[in-house]
Amino acid sequence: MRNLGLIIIALIICSCDDLFEVTDISEQQVIILAPKNTVTFSNNDTINFSWEALEDAETYEVQLATPDFENATQIVLDSITETTRLNATLNTGDYQWRVRAVNSGYTTAYTTSEFTIE
């Protein structure tokens, strides 16, 4: 009787793993739609950041630096969003932005792009 109870508990535990399995997205890539590399905007433009949704992503981490992440003088934006769009009004200068997808167990690598505001 005791062995039957242990078997039942083991089956319940194993079936719970199937219910909570998280898809590994770490080898996937977020595709940036805009702004893409080397685009130039005028100083009065609102910048619309957008990217393709990644299946099994729960949120996206978006970061923006000036002039770039390697030589950042300022991290202008560091945000988590559930959408695939973000808007910002920025000052004149060179910028680099990046986005990655996140779920409860995994993250993708950042996808990076750069642009200029004149």
PDB file of N, CA and C in Angstrom:
ATOM      1  N   MET A   1       0.819  -1.186   0.000  1.00  0.00           N
ATOM      2  CA  MET A   1       0.000   0.000   0.000  1.00  0.00           C
ATOM      3  C   MET A   1       0.875   1.267   0.000  1.00  0.00           C
ATOM      4  N   ARG A   2       1.942   1.229   0.778  1.00  0.00           N
ATOM      5  CA  ARG A   2       2.833   2.373   0.855  1.00  0.00           C
ATOM      6  C   ARG A   2       3.491   2.633  -0.498  1.00  0.00           C
ATOM      7  N   ASN A   3       3.891   1.581  -1.210  1.00  0.00           N
ATOM      8  CA  ASN A   3       4.509   1.733  -2.527  1.00  0.00           C
ATOM      9  C   ASN A   3       3.541   2.361  -3.519  1.00  0.00           C
ATOM     10  N   LEU A   4       2.268   2.011  -3.421  1.00  0.00           N
ATOM     11  CA  LEU A   4       1.270   2.596  -4.313  1.00  0.00           C
ATOM     12  C   LEU A   4       1.173   4.106  -4.088  1.00  0.00           C
ATOM     13  N   GLY A   5       1.215   4.524  -2.837  1.00  0.00           N
ATOM     14  CA  GLY A   5       1.177   5.951  -2.517  1.00  0.00           C
ATOM     15  C   GLY A   5       2.382   6.683  -3.077  1.00  0.00           C
ATOM     16  N   LEU A   6       3.567   6.094  -2.980  1.00  0.00           N
ATOM     17  CA  LEU A   6       4.781   6.704  -3.523  1.00  0.00           C
ATOM     18  C   LEU A   6       4.716   6.805  -5.043  1.00  0.00           C
ATOM     19  N   ILE A   7       4.155   5.785  -5.670  1.00  0.00           N
ATOM     20  CA  ILE A   7       4.022   5.807  -7.128  1.00  0.00           C
ATOM     21  C   ILE A   7       3.066   6.914  -7.550  1.00  0.00           C
ATOM     22  N   ILE A   8       1.960   7.059  -6.832  1.00  0.00           N
ATOM     23  CA  ILE A   8       1.001   8.106  -7.163  1.00  0.00           C
ATOM     24  C   ILE A   8       1.629   9.486  -6.994  1.00  0.00           C
ATOM     25  N   ILE A   9       2.363   9.700  -5.922  1.00  0.00           N
ATOM     26  CA  ILE A   9       3.030  10.988  -5.697  1.00  0.00           C
ATOM     27  C   ILE A   9       4.046  11.262  -6.799  1.00  0.00           C
ATOM     28  N   ALA A  10       4.809  10.262  -7.192  1.00  0.00           N
ATOM     29  CA  ALA A  10       5.800  10.429  -8.259  1.00  0.00           C
ATOM     30  C   ALA A  10       5.127  10.795  -9.574  1.00  0.00           C
ATOM     31  N   LEU A  11       3.993  10.171  -9.881  1.00  0.00           N
ATOM     32  CA  LEU A  11       3.275  10.494 -11.113  1.00  0.00           C
ATOM     33  C   LEU A  11       2.740  11.919 -11.092  1.00  0.00           C
ATOM     34  N   ILE A  12       2.254  12.360  -9.946  1.00  0.00           N
ATOM     35  CA  ILE A  12       1.747  13.729  -9.831  1.00  0.00           C
ATOM     36  C   ILE A  12       2.881  14.732 -10.046  1.00  0.00           C
ATOM     37  N   ILE A  13       4.017  14.482  -9.440  1.00  0.00           N
ATOM     38  CA  ILE A  13       5.162  15.382  -9.584  1.00  0.00           C
ATOM     39  C   ILE A  13       5.623  15.429 -11.032  1.00  0.00           C
ATOM     40  N   CYS A  14       5.712  14.294 -11.691  1.00  0.00           N
ATOM     41  CA  CYS A  14       6.145  14.252 -13.091  1.00  0.00           C
ATOM     42  C   CYS A  14       5.162  14.987 -13.995  1.00  0.00           C
ATOM     43  N   SER A  15       3.873  14.830 -13.765  1.00  0.00           N
ATOM     44  CA  SER A  15       2.892  15.491 -14.613  1.00  0.00           C
ATOM     45  C   SER A  15       2.901  16.999 -14.386  1.00  0.00           C
ATOM     46  N   CYS A  16       3.274  17.465 -13.194  1.00  0.00           N
ATOM     47  CA  CYS A  16       3.355  18.904 -12.933  1.00  0.00           C
ATOM     48  C   CYS A  16       4.468  19.537 -13.753  1.00  0.00           C
ATOM     49  N   ASP A  17       5.560  18.836 -13.975  1.00  0.00           N
ATOM     50  CA  ASP A  17       6.644  19.369 -14.798  1.00  0.00           C
ATOM     51  C   ASP A  17       6.155  19.672 -16.205  1.00  0.00           C
ATOM     52  N   ASP A  18       5.278  18.810 -16.738  1.00  0.00           N
ATOM     53  CA  ASP A  18       4.749  19.035 -18.073  1.00  0.00           C
ATOM     54  C   ASP A  18       3.880  20.286 -18.123  1.00  0.00           C
ATOM     55  N   LEU A  19       3.172  20.568 -17.054  1.00  0.00           N
ATOM     56  CA  LEU A  19       2.310  21.740 -17.007  1.00  0.00           C
ATOM     57  C   LEU A  19       3.107  23.038 -16.967  1.00  0.00           C
ATOM     58  N   PHE A  20       4.283  23.021 -16.382  1.00  0.00           N
ATOM     59  CA  PHE A  20       5.064  24.229 -16.184  1.00  0.00           C
ATOM     60  C   PHE A  20       6.298  24.305 -17.073  1.00  0.00           C
ATOM     61  N   GLU A  21       6.353  23.528 -18.118  1.00  0.00           N
ATOM     62  CA  GLU A  21       7.509  23.537 -19.006  1.00  0.00           C
ATOM     63  C   GLU A  21       7.580  24.870 -19.753  1.00  0.00           C
ATOM     64  N   VAL A  22       8.743  25.475 -19.751  1.00  0.00           N
ATOM     65  CA  VAL A  22       8.960  26.764 -20.393  1.00  0.00           C
ATOM     66  C   VAL A  22       9.765  26.536 -21.662  1.00  0.00           C
ATOM     67  N   THR A  23       9.328  27.146 -22.749  1.00  0.00           N
ATOM     68  CA  THR A  23      10.014  27.006 -24.025  1.00  0.00           C
ATOM     69  C   THR A  23      11.337  27.767 -23.997  1.00  0.00           C
ATOM     70  N   ASP A  24      12.387  27.108 -24.430  1.00  0.00           N
ATOM     71  CA  ASP A  24      13.712  27.724 -24.499  1.00  0.00           C
ATOM     72  C   ASP A  24      13.768  28.638 -25.724  1.00  0.00           C
ATOM     73  N   ILE A  25      13.850  29.933 -25.492  1.00  0.00           N
ATOM     74  CA  ILE A  25      13.922  30.909 -26.588  1.00  0.00           C
ATOM     75  C   ILE A  25      15.335  31.457 -26.777  1.00  0.00           C
ATOM     76  N   SER A  26      16.286  30.931 -26.019  1.00  0.00           N
ATOM     77  CA  SER A  26      17.630  31.523 -25.988  1.00  0.00           C
ATOM     78  C   SER A  26      18.367  31.478 -27.328  1.00  0.00           C
ATOM     79  N   GLU A  27      17.991  30.591 -28.219  1.00  0.00           N
ATOM     80  CA  GLU A  27      18.659  30.511 -29.523  1.00  0.00           C
ATOM     81  C   GLU A  27      17.923  31.306 -30.597  1.00  0.00           C
ATOM     82  N   GLN A  28      16.805  31.928 -30.239  1.00  0.00           N
ATOM     83  CA  GLN A  28      16.033  32.712 -31.201  1.00  0.00           C
ATOM     84  C   GLN A  28      16.522  34.157 -31.197  1.00  0.00           C
ATOM     85  N   GLN A  29      16.049  34.933 -32.174  1.00  0.00           N
ATOM     86  CA  GLN A  29      16.482  36.323 -32.297  1.00  0.00           C
ATOM     87  C   GLN A  29      15.273  37.227 -32.513  1.00  0.00           C
ATOM     88  N   VAL A  30      15.275  38.358 -31.832  1.00  0.00           N
ATOM     89  CA  VAL A  30      14.254  39.372 -32.048  1.00  0.00           C
ATOM     90  C   VAL A  30      14.622  40.139 -33.322  1.00  0.00           C
ATOM     91  N   ILE A  31      13.647  40.322 -34.197  1.00  0.00           N
ATOM     92  CA  ILE A  31      13.866  41.049 -35.449  1.00  0.00           C
ATOM     93  C   ILE A  31      13.410  42.496 -35.273  1.00  0.00           C
ATOM     94  N   ILE A  32      14.345  43.422 -35.428  1.00  0.00           N
ATOM     95  CA  ILE A  32      14.046  44.855 -35.332  1.00  0.00           C
ATOM     96  C   ILE A  32      13.392  45.320 -36.629  1.00  0.00           C
ATOM     97  N   LEU A  33      12.280  46.046 -36.489  1.00  0.00           N
ATOM     98  CA  LEU A  33      11.610  46.622 -37.650  1.00  0.00           C
ATOM     99  C   LEU A  33      12.017  48.080 -37.854  1.00  0.00           C
ATOM    100  N   ALA A  34      12.131  48.839 -36.763  1.00  0.00           N
ATOM    101  CA  ALA A  34      12.514  50.251 -36.873  1.00  0.00           C
ATOM    102  C   ALA A  34      12.882  50.788 -35.504  1.00  0.00           C
ATOM    103  N   PRO A  35      13.795  51.749 -35.431  1.00  0.00           N
ATOM    104  CA  PRO A  35      14.642  52.203 -36.534  1.00  0.00           C
ATOM    105  C   PRO A  35      15.789  51.229 -36.786  1.00  0.00           C
ATOM    106  N   LYS A  36      16.066  51.033 -38.050  1.00  0.00           N
ATOM    107  CA  LYS A  36      17.158  50.145 -38.447  1.00  0.00           C
ATOM    108  C   LYS A  36      18.464  50.932 -38.519  1.00  0.00           C
ATOM    109  N   ASN A  37      19.551  50.204 -38.698  1.00  0.00           N
ATOM    110  CA  ASN A  37      20.888  50.813 -38.693  1.00  0.00           C
ATOM    111  C   ASN A  37      21.018  51.988 -39.648  1.00  0.00           C
ATOM    112  N   THR A  38      21.709  53.002 -39.176  1.00  0.00           N
ATOM    113  CA  THR A  38      22.146  54.198 -39.900  1.00  0.00           C
ATOM    114  C   THR A  38      21.019  55.105 -40.392  1.00  0.00           C
ATOM    115  N   VAL A  39      19.833  54.994 -39.816  1.00  0.00           N
ATOM    116  CA  VAL A  39      18.743  55.902 -40.159  1.00  0.00           C
ATOM    117  C   VAL A  39      19.004  57.245 -39.488  1.00  0.00           C
ATOM    118  N   THR A  40      18.633  58.336 -40.170  1.00  0.00           N
ATOM    119  CA  THR A  40      18.767  59.678 -39.609  1.00  0.00           C
ATOM    120  C   THR A  40      17.391  60.319 -39.511  1.00  0.00           C
ATOM    121  N   PHE A  41      17.120  60.921 -38.345  1.00  0.00           N
ATOM    122  CA  PHE A  41      15.844  61.590 -38.086  1.00  0.00           C
ATOM    123  C   PHE A  41      16.091  63.073 -37.847  1.00  0.00           C
ATOM    124  N   SER A  42      15.031  63.863 -38.017  1.00  0.00           N
ATOM    125  CA  SER A  42      15.143  65.272 -37.652  1.00  0.00           C
ATOM    126  C   SER A  42      14.847  65.416 -36.166  1.00  0.00           C
ATOM    127  N   ASN A  43      15.292  66.491 -35.569  1.00  0.00           N
ATOM    128  CA  ASN A  43      15.212  66.693 -34.127  1.00  0.00           C
ATOM    129  C   ASN A  43      13.775  66.724 -33.601  1.00  0.00           C
ATOM    130  N   ASN A  44      12.803  67.022 -34.426  1.00  0.00           N
ATOM    131  CA  ASN A  44      11.423  67.122 -33.970  1.00  0.00           C
ATOM    132  C   ASN A  44      10.643  65.811 -34.086  1.00  0.00           C
ATOM    133  N   ASP A  45      11.247  64.788 -34.614  1.00  0.00           N
ATOM    134  CA  ASP A  45      10.556  63.511 -34.818  1.00  0.00           C
ATOM    135  C   ASP A  45      10.396  62.737 -33.510  1.00  0.00           C
ATOM    136  N   THR A  46       9.263  62.095 -33.360  1.00  0.00           N
ATOM    137  CA  THR A  46       9.094  61.104 -32.302  1.00  0.00           C
ATOM    138  C   THR A  46       9.598  59.789 -32.877  1.00  0.00           C
ATOM    139  N   ILE A  47      10.471  59.132 -32.152  1.00  0.00           N
ATOM    140  CA  ILE A  47      11.061  57.879 -32.632  1.00  0.00           C
ATOM    141  C   ILE A  47      10.156  56.727 -32.207  1.00  0.00           C
ATOM    142  N   ASN A  48       9.739  55.940 -33.190  1.00  0.00           N
ATOM    143  CA  ASN A  48       8.889  54.781 -32.937  1.00  0.00           C
ATOM    144  C   ASN A  48       9.740  53.514 -33.038  1.00  0.00           C
ATOM    145  N   PHE A  49      10.029  52.914 -31.908  1.00  0.00           N
ATOM    146  CA  PHE A  49      10.793  51.675 -31.870  1.00  0.00           C
ATOM    147  C   PHE A  49       9.811  50.520 -32.043  1.00  0.00           C
ATOM    148  N   SER A  50      10.144  49.596 -32.932  1.00  0.00           N
ATOM    149  CA  SER A  50       9.264  48.435 -33.112  1.00  0.00           C
ATOM    150  C   SER A  50      10.074  47.215 -33.515  1.00  0.00           C
ATOM    151  N   TRP A  51       9.538  46.049 -33.180  1.00  0.00           N
ATOM    152  CA  TRP A  51      10.190  44.779 -33.458  1.00  0.00           C
ATOM    153  C   TRP A  51       9.117  43.712 -33.601  1.00  0.00           C
ATOM    154  N   GLU A  52       9.487  42.595 -34.218  1.00  0.00           N
ATOM    155  CA  GLU A  52       8.550  41.496 -34.405  1.00  0.00           C
ATOM    156  C   GLU A  52       8.344  40.757 -33.087  1.00  0.00           C
ATOM    157  N   ALA A  53       7.122  40.337 -32.859  1.00  0.00           N
ATOM    158  CA  ALA A  53       6.821  39.523 -31.679  1.00  0.00           C
ATOM    159  C   ALA A  53       7.513  38.172 -31.811  1.00  0.00           C
ATOM    160  N   LEU A  54       7.979  37.666 -30.699  1.00  0.00           N
ATOM    161  CA  LEU A  54       8.625  36.361 -30.670  1.00  0.00           C
ATOM    162  C   LEU A  54       7.709  35.404 -29.913  1.00  0.00           C
ATOM    163  N   GLU A  55       7.338  34.321 -30.576  1.00  0.00           N
ATOM    164  CA  GLU A  55       6.465  33.348 -29.937  1.00  0.00           C
ATOM    165  C   GLU A  55       7.120  32.842 -28.646  1.00  0.00           C
ATOM    166  N   ASP A  56       6.350  32.701 -27.615  1.00  0.00           N
ATOM    167  CA  ASP A  56       6.774  32.236 -26.288  1.00  0.00           C
ATOM    168  C   ASP A  56       7.515  33.284 -25.473  1.00  0.00           C
ATOM    169  N   ALA A  57       7.630  34.516 -25.986  1.00  0.00           N
ATOM    170  CA  ALA A  57       8.185  35.606 -25.180  1.00  0.00           C
ATOM    171  C   ALA A  57       7.062  36.169 -24.315  1.00  0.00           C
ATOM    172  N   GLU A  58       7.409  36.515 -23.087  1.00  0.00           N
ATOM    173  CA  GLU A  58       6.434  37.116 -22.182  1.00  0.00           C
ATOM    174  C   GLU A  58       6.617  38.627 -22.101  1.00  0.00           C
ATOM    175  N   THR A  59       7.876  39.074 -22.135  1.00  0.00           N
ATOM    176  CA  THR A  59       8.186  40.493 -22.106  1.00  0.00           C
ATOM    177  C   THR A  59       9.396  40.757 -22.998  1.00  0.00           C
ATOM    178  N   TYR A  60       9.673  42.041 -23.175  1.00  0.00           N
ATOM    179  CA  TYR A  60      10.845  42.468 -23.941  1.00  0.00           C
ATOM    180  C   TYR A  60      11.601  43.497 -23.115  1.00  0.00           C
ATOM    181  N   GLU A  61      12.918  43.388 -23.107  1.00  0.00           N
ATOM    182  CA  GLU A  61      13.772  44.379 -22.454  1.00  0.00           C
ATOM    183  C   GLU A  61      14.341  45.283 -23.536  1.00  0.00           C
ATOM    184  N   VAL A  62      14.096  46.573 -23.391  1.00  0.00           N
ATOM    185  CA  VAL A  62      14.534  47.558 -24.376  1.00  0.00           C
ATOM    186  C   VAL A  62      15.475  48.535 -23.688  1.00  0.00           C
ATOM    187  N   GLN A  63      16.622  48.769 -24.314  1.00  0.00           N
ATOM    188  CA  GLN A  63      17.596  49.713 -23.776  1.00  0.00           C
ATOM    189  C   GLN A  63      18.042  50.655 -24.884  1.00  0.00           C
ATOM    190  N   LEU A  64      18.348  51.890 -24.484  1.00  0.00           N
ATOM    191  CA  LEU A  64      18.788  52.913 -25.416  1.00  0.00           C
ATOM    192  C   LEU A  64      19.944  53.669 -24.782  1.00  0.00           C
ATOM    193  N   ALA A  65      21.040  53.805 -25.529  1.00  0.00           N
ATOM    194  CA  ALA A  65      22.231  54.494 -25.013  1.00  0.00           C
ATOM    195  C   ALA A  65      22.713  55.518 -26.027  1.00  0.00           C
ATOM    196  N   THR A  66      23.447  56.496 -25.519  1.00  0.00           N
ATOM    197  CA  THR A  66      24.086  57.462 -26.397  1.00  0.00           C
ATOM    198  C   THR A  66      25.564  57.553 -26.044  1.00  0.00           C
ATOM    199  N   PRO A  67      26.513  57.567 -26.939  1.00  0.00           N
ATOM    200  CA  PRO A  67      26.327  57.335 -28.365  1.00  0.00           C
ATOM    201  C   PRO A  67      26.139  55.850 -28.706  1.00  0.00           C
ATOM    202  N   ASP A  68      26.676  54.949 -27.876  1.00  0.00           N
ATOM    203  CA  ASP A  68      26.474  53.505 -28.061  1.00  0.00           C
ATOM    204  C   ASP A  68      26.716  52.817 -26.727  1.00  0.00           C
ATOM    205  N   PHE A  69      26.486  51.512 -26.662  1.00  0.00           N
ATOM    206  CA  PHE A  69      26.621  50.809 -25.382  1.00  0.00           C
ATOM    207  C   PHE A  69      28.072  50.643 -24.951  1.00  0.00           C
ATOM    208  N   GLU A  70      28.975  50.514 -25.892  1.00  0.00           N
ATOM    209  CA  GLU A  70      30.390  50.341 -25.544  1.00  0.00           C
ATOM    210  C   GLU A  70      30.988  51.617 -24.964  1.00  0.00           C
ATOM    211  N   ASN A  71      30.536  52.770 -25.462  1.00  0.00           N
ATOM    212  CA  ASN A  71      31.057  54.068 -25.011  1.00  0.00           C
ATOM    213  C   ASN A  71      29.945  54.932 -24.436  1.00  0.00           C
ATOM    214  N   ALA A  72      29.029  54.340 -23.732  1.00  0.00           N
ATOM    215  CA  ALA A  72      27.828  55.051 -23.274  1.00  0.00           C
ATOM    216  C   ALA A  72      28.171  56.225 -22.355  1.00  0.00           C
ATOM    217  N   THR A  73      27.668  57.385 -22.727  1.00  0.00           N
ATOM    218  CA  THR A  73      27.730  58.528 -21.823  1.00  0.00           C
ATOM    219  C   THR A  73      26.431  58.614 -21.031  1.00  0.00           C
ATOM    220  N   GLN A  74      25.401  57.968 -21.565  1.00  0.00           N
ATOM    221  CA  GLN A  74      24.120  57.944 -20.867  1.00  0.00           C
ATOM    222  C   GLN A  74      23.284  56.764 -21.348  1.00  0.00           C
ATOM    223  N   ILE A  75      22.663  56.062 -20.393  1.00  0.00           N
ATOM    224  CA  ILE A  75      21.633  55.084 -20.710  1.00  0.00           C
ATOM    225  C   ILE A  75      20.329  55.864 -20.663  1.00  0.00           C
ATOM    226  N   VAL A  76      19.754  56.097 -21.814  1.00  0.00           N
ATOM    227  CA  VAL A  76      18.586  56.959 -21.934  1.00  0.00           C
ATOM    228  C   VAL A  76      17.316  56.217 -21.546  1.00  0.00           C
ATOM    229  N   LEU A  77      17.288  54.918 -21.822  1.00  0.00           N
ATOM    230  CA  LEU A  77      16.094  54.117 -21.571  1.00  0.00           C
ATOM    231  C   LEU A  77      16.500  52.717 -21.176  1.00  0.00           C
ATOM    232  N   ASP A  78      15.838  52.193 -20.179  1.00  0.00           N
ATOM    233  CA  ASP A  78      16.009  50.797 -19.760  1.00  0.00           C
ATOM    234  C   ASP A  78      14.639  50.346 -19.287  1.00  0.00           C
ATOM    235  N   SER A  79      13.920  49.644 -20.170  1.00  0.00           N
ATOM    236  CA  SER A  79      12.510  49.396 -19.926  1.00  0.00           C
ATOM    237  C   SER A  79      12.134  47.950 -20.209  1.00  0.00           C
ATOM    238  N   ILE A  80      11.081  47.493 -19.540  1.00  0.00           N
ATOM    239  CA  ILE A  80      10.497  46.180 -19.789  1.00  0.00           C
ATOM    240  C   ILE A  80       9.064  46.412 -20.249  1.00  0.00           C
ATOM    241  N   THR A  81       8.690  45.778 -21.351  1.00  0.00           N
ATOM    242  CA  THR A  81       7.356  45.955 -21.908  1.00  0.00           C
ATOM    243  C   THR A  81       6.801  44.628 -22.406  1.00  0.00           C
ATOM    244  N   GLU A  82       5.502  44.527 -22.447  1.00  0.00           N
ATOM    245  CA  GLU A  82       4.844  43.340 -22.988  1.00  0.00           C
ATOM    246  C   GLU A  82       4.459  43.544 -24.446  1.00  0.00           C
ATOM    247  N   THR A  83       4.622  44.762 -24.950  1.00  0.00           N
ATOM    248  CA  THR A  83       4.253  45.074 -26.329  1.00  0.00           C
ATOM    249  C   THR A  83       5.496  45.041 -27.222  1.00  0.00           C
ATOM    250  N   THR A  84       5.281  45.248 -28.514  1.00  0.00           N
ATOM    251  CA  THR A  84       6.395  45.262 -29.469  1.00  0.00           C
ATOM    252  C   THR A  84       6.609  46.650 -30.059  1.00  0.00           C
ATOM    253  N   ARG A  85       6.201  47.665 -29.303  1.00  0.00           N
ATOM    254  CA  ARG A  85       6.359  49.059 -29.744  1.00  0.00           C
ATOM    255  C   ARG A  85       6.695  49.931 -28.554  1.00  0.00           C
ATOM    256  N   LEU A  86       7.450  50.989 -28.832  1.00  0.00           N
ATOM    257  CA  LEU A  86       7.804  51.956 -27.801  1.00  0.00           C
ATOM    258  C   LEU A  86       8.095  53.273 -28.509  1.00  0.00           C
ATOM    259  N   ASN A  87       7.695  54.386 -27.937  1.00  0.00           N
ATOM    260  CA  ASN A  87       7.925  55.708 -28.534  1.00  0.00           C
ATOM    261  C   ASN A  87       8.786  56.553 -27.615  1.00  0.00           C
ATOM    262  N   ALA A  88       9.600  57.426 -28.220  1.00  0.00           N
ATOM    263  CA  ALA A  88      10.428  58.338 -27.424  1.00  0.00           C
ATOM    264  C   ALA A  88      10.749  59.581 -28.247  1.00  0.00           C
ATOM    265  N   THR A  89      10.835  60.705 -27.569  1.00  0.00           N
ATOM    266  CA  THR A  89      11.307  61.938 -28.171  1.00  0.00           C
ATOM    267  C   THR A  89      12.693  62.197 -27.596  1.00  0.00           C
ATOM    268  N   LEU A  90      13.669  62.348 -28.478  1.00  0.00           N
ATOM    269  CA  LEU A  90      15.068  62.410 -28.054  1.00  0.00           C
ATOM    270  C   LEU A  90      15.748  63.672 -28.567  1.00  0.00           C
ATOM    271  N   ASN A  91      16.824  64.024 -27.929  1.00  0.00           N
ATOM    272  CA  ASN A  91      17.649  65.162 -28.343  1.00  0.00           C
ATOM    273  C   ASN A  91      18.553  64.768 -29.500  1.00  0.00           C
ATOM    274  N   THR A  92      19.167  65.771 -30.107  1.00  0.00           N
ATOM    275  CA  THR A  92      20.131  65.558 -31.179  1.00  0.00           C
ATOM    276  C   THR A  92      21.274  64.671 -30.683  1.00  0.00           C
ATOM    277  N   GLY A  93      21.725  63.757 -31.542  1.00  0.00           N
ATOM    278  CA  GLY A  93      22.861  62.914 -31.187  1.00  0.00           C
ATOM    279  C   GLY A  93      22.813  61.548 -31.841  1.00  0.00           C
ATOM    280  N   ASP A  94      23.821  60.763 -31.530  1.00  0.00           N
ATOM    281  CA  ASP A  94      23.915  59.383 -32.009  1.00  0.00           C
ATOM    282  C   ASP A  94      23.390  58.464 -30.915  1.00  0.00           C
ATOM    283  N   TYR A  95      22.640  57.447 -31.320  1.00  0.00           N
ATOM    284  CA  TYR A  95      22.038  56.518 -30.377  1.00  0.00           C
ATOM    285  C   TYR A  95      22.210  55.087 -30.847  1.00  0.00           C
ATOM    286  N   GLN A  96      22.220  54.201 -29.882  1.00  0.00           N
ATOM    287  CA  GLN A  96      22.192  52.772 -30.158  1.00  0.00           C
ATOM    288  C   GLN A  96      21.102  52.186 -29.261  1.00  0.00           C
ATOM    289  N   TRP A  97      20.285  51.308 -29.829  1.00  0.00           N
ATOM    290  CA  TRP A  97      19.237  50.682 -29.030  1.00  0.00           C
ATOM    291  C   TRP A  97      19.281  49.180 -29.237  1.00  0.00           C
ATOM    292  N   ARG A  98      18.731  48.485 -28.259  1.00  0.00           N
ATOM    293  CA  ARG A  98      18.719  47.029 -28.341  1.00  0.00           C
ATOM    294  C   ARG A  98      17.481  46.490 -27.632  1.00  0.00           C
ATOM    295  N   VAL A  99      17.099  45.301 -28.061  1.00  0.00           N
ATOM    296  CA  VAL A  99      15.921  44.650 -27.506  1.00  0.00           C
ATOM    297  C   VAL A  99      16.193  43.148 -27.419  1.00  0.00           C
ATOM    298  N   ARG A 100      15.644  42.531 -26.366  1.00  0.00           N
ATOM    299  CA  ARG A 100      15.711  41.083 -26.264  1.00  0.00           C
ATOM    300  C   ARG A 100      14.397  40.576 -25.687  1.00  0.00           C
ATOM    301  N   ALA A 101      14.085  39.329 -26.002  1.00  0.00           N
ATOM    302  CA  ALA A 101      12.863  38.694 -25.521  1.00  0.00           C
ATOM    303  C   ALA A 101      13.163  37.912 -24.250  1.00  0.00           C
ATOM    304  N   VAL A 102      12.152  37.837 -23.376  1.00  0.00           N
ATOM    305  CA  VAL A 102      12.299  37.167 -22.081  1.00  0.00           C
ATOM    306  C   VAL A 102      11.048  36.341 -21.813  1.00  0.00           C
ATOM    307  N   ASN A 103      11.244  35.143 -21.274  1.00  0.00           N
ATOM    308  CA  ASN A 103      10.137  34.411 -20.664  1.00  0.00           C
ATOM    309  C   ASN A 103      10.586  33.965 -19.284  1.00  0.00           C
ATOM    310  N   SER A 104       9.800  33.188 -18.595  1.00  0.00           N
ATOM    311  CA  SER A 104      10.109  32.884 -17.193  1.00  0.00           C
ATOM    312  C   SER A 104      11.364  32.038 -16.997  1.00  0.00           C
ATOM    313  N   GLY A 105      11.920  31.487 -18.065  1.00  0.00           N
ATOM    314  CA  GLY A 105      13.113  30.666 -17.913  1.00  0.00           C
ATOM    315  C   GLY A 105      14.292  31.047 -18.778  1.00  0.00           C
ATOM    316  N   TYR A 106      14.052  31.851 -19.818  1.00  0.00           N
ATOM    317  CA  TYR A 106      15.106  32.092 -20.802  1.00  0.00           C
ATOM    318  C   TYR A 106      15.059  33.527 -21.330  1.00  0.00           C
ATOM    319  N   THR A 107      16.181  33.968 -21.907  1.00  0.00           N
ATOM    320  CA  THR A 107      16.243  35.238 -22.626  1.00  0.00           C
ATOM    321  C   THR A 107      16.958  35.006 -23.948  1.00  0.00           C
ATOM    322  N   THR A 108      16.656  35.834 -24.921  1.00  0.00           N
ATOM    323  CA  THR A 108      17.418  35.812 -26.165  1.00  0.00           C
ATOM    324  C   THR A 108      18.607  36.752 -25.990  1.00  0.00           C
ATOM    325  N   ALA A 109      19.507  36.707 -26.936  1.00  0.00           N
ATOM    326  CA  ALA A 109      20.565  37.719 -26.973  1.00  0.00           C
ATOM    327  C   ALA A 109      19.930  39.030 -27.439  1.00  0.00           C
ATOM    328  N   TYR A 110      20.586  40.141 -27.141  1.00  0.00           N
ATOM    329  CA  TYR A 110      20.100  41.430 -27.613  1.00  0.00           C
ATOM    330  C   TYR A 110      20.279  41.532 -29.119  1.00  0.00           C
ATOM    331  N   THR A 111      19.318  42.169 -29.787  1.00  0.00           N
ATOM    332  CA  THR A 111      19.452  42.592 -31.165  1.00  0.00           C
ATOM    333  C   THR A 111      19.654  44.103 -31.120  1.00  0.00           C
ATOM    334  N   THR A 112      20.663  44.607 -31.805  1.00  0.00           N
ATOM    335  CA  THR A 112      21.080  46.002 -31.661  1.00  0.00           C
ATOM    336  C   THR A 112      20.993  46.748 -32.986  1.00  0.00           C
ATOM    337  N   SER A 113      20.651  48.031 -32.912  1.00  0.00           N
ATOM    338  CA  SER A 113      20.599  48.903 -34.063  1.00  0.00           C
ATOM    339  C   SER A 113      21.022  50.307 -33.620  1.00  0.00           C
ATOM    340  N   GLU A 114      21.423  51.134 -34.575  1.00  0.00           N
ATOM    341  CA  GLU A 114      21.843  52.489 -34.233  1.00  0.00           C
ATOM    342  C   GLU A 114      21.234  53.493 -35.203  1.00  0.00           C
ATOM    343  N   PHE A 115      21.102  54.734 -34.723  1.00  0.00           N
ATOM    344  CA  PHE A 115      20.518  55.786 -35.538  1.00  0.00           C
ATOM    345  C   PHE A 115      21.036  57.142 -35.058  1.00  0.00           C
ATOM    346  N   THR A 116      20.736  58.175 -35.838  1.00  0.00           N
ATOM    347  CA  THR A 116      21.184  59.532 -35.517  1.00  0.00           C
ATOM    348  C   THR A 116      19.991  60.473 -35.573  1.00  0.00           C
ATOM    349  N   ILE A 117      20.013  61.468 -34.680  1.00  0.00           N
ATOM    350  CA  ILE A 117      19.035  62.549 -34.720  1.00  0.00           C
ATOM    351  C   ILE A 117      19.806  63.841 -34.966  1.00  0.00           C
ATOM    352  N   GLU A 118      19.441  64.544 -36.030  1.00  0.00           N
ATOM    353  CA  GLU A 118      20.127  65.794 -36.407  1.00  0.00           C
ATOM    354  C   GLU A 118      19.281  66.997 -36.078  1.00  0.00           C
TER     355      GLU A 118
END
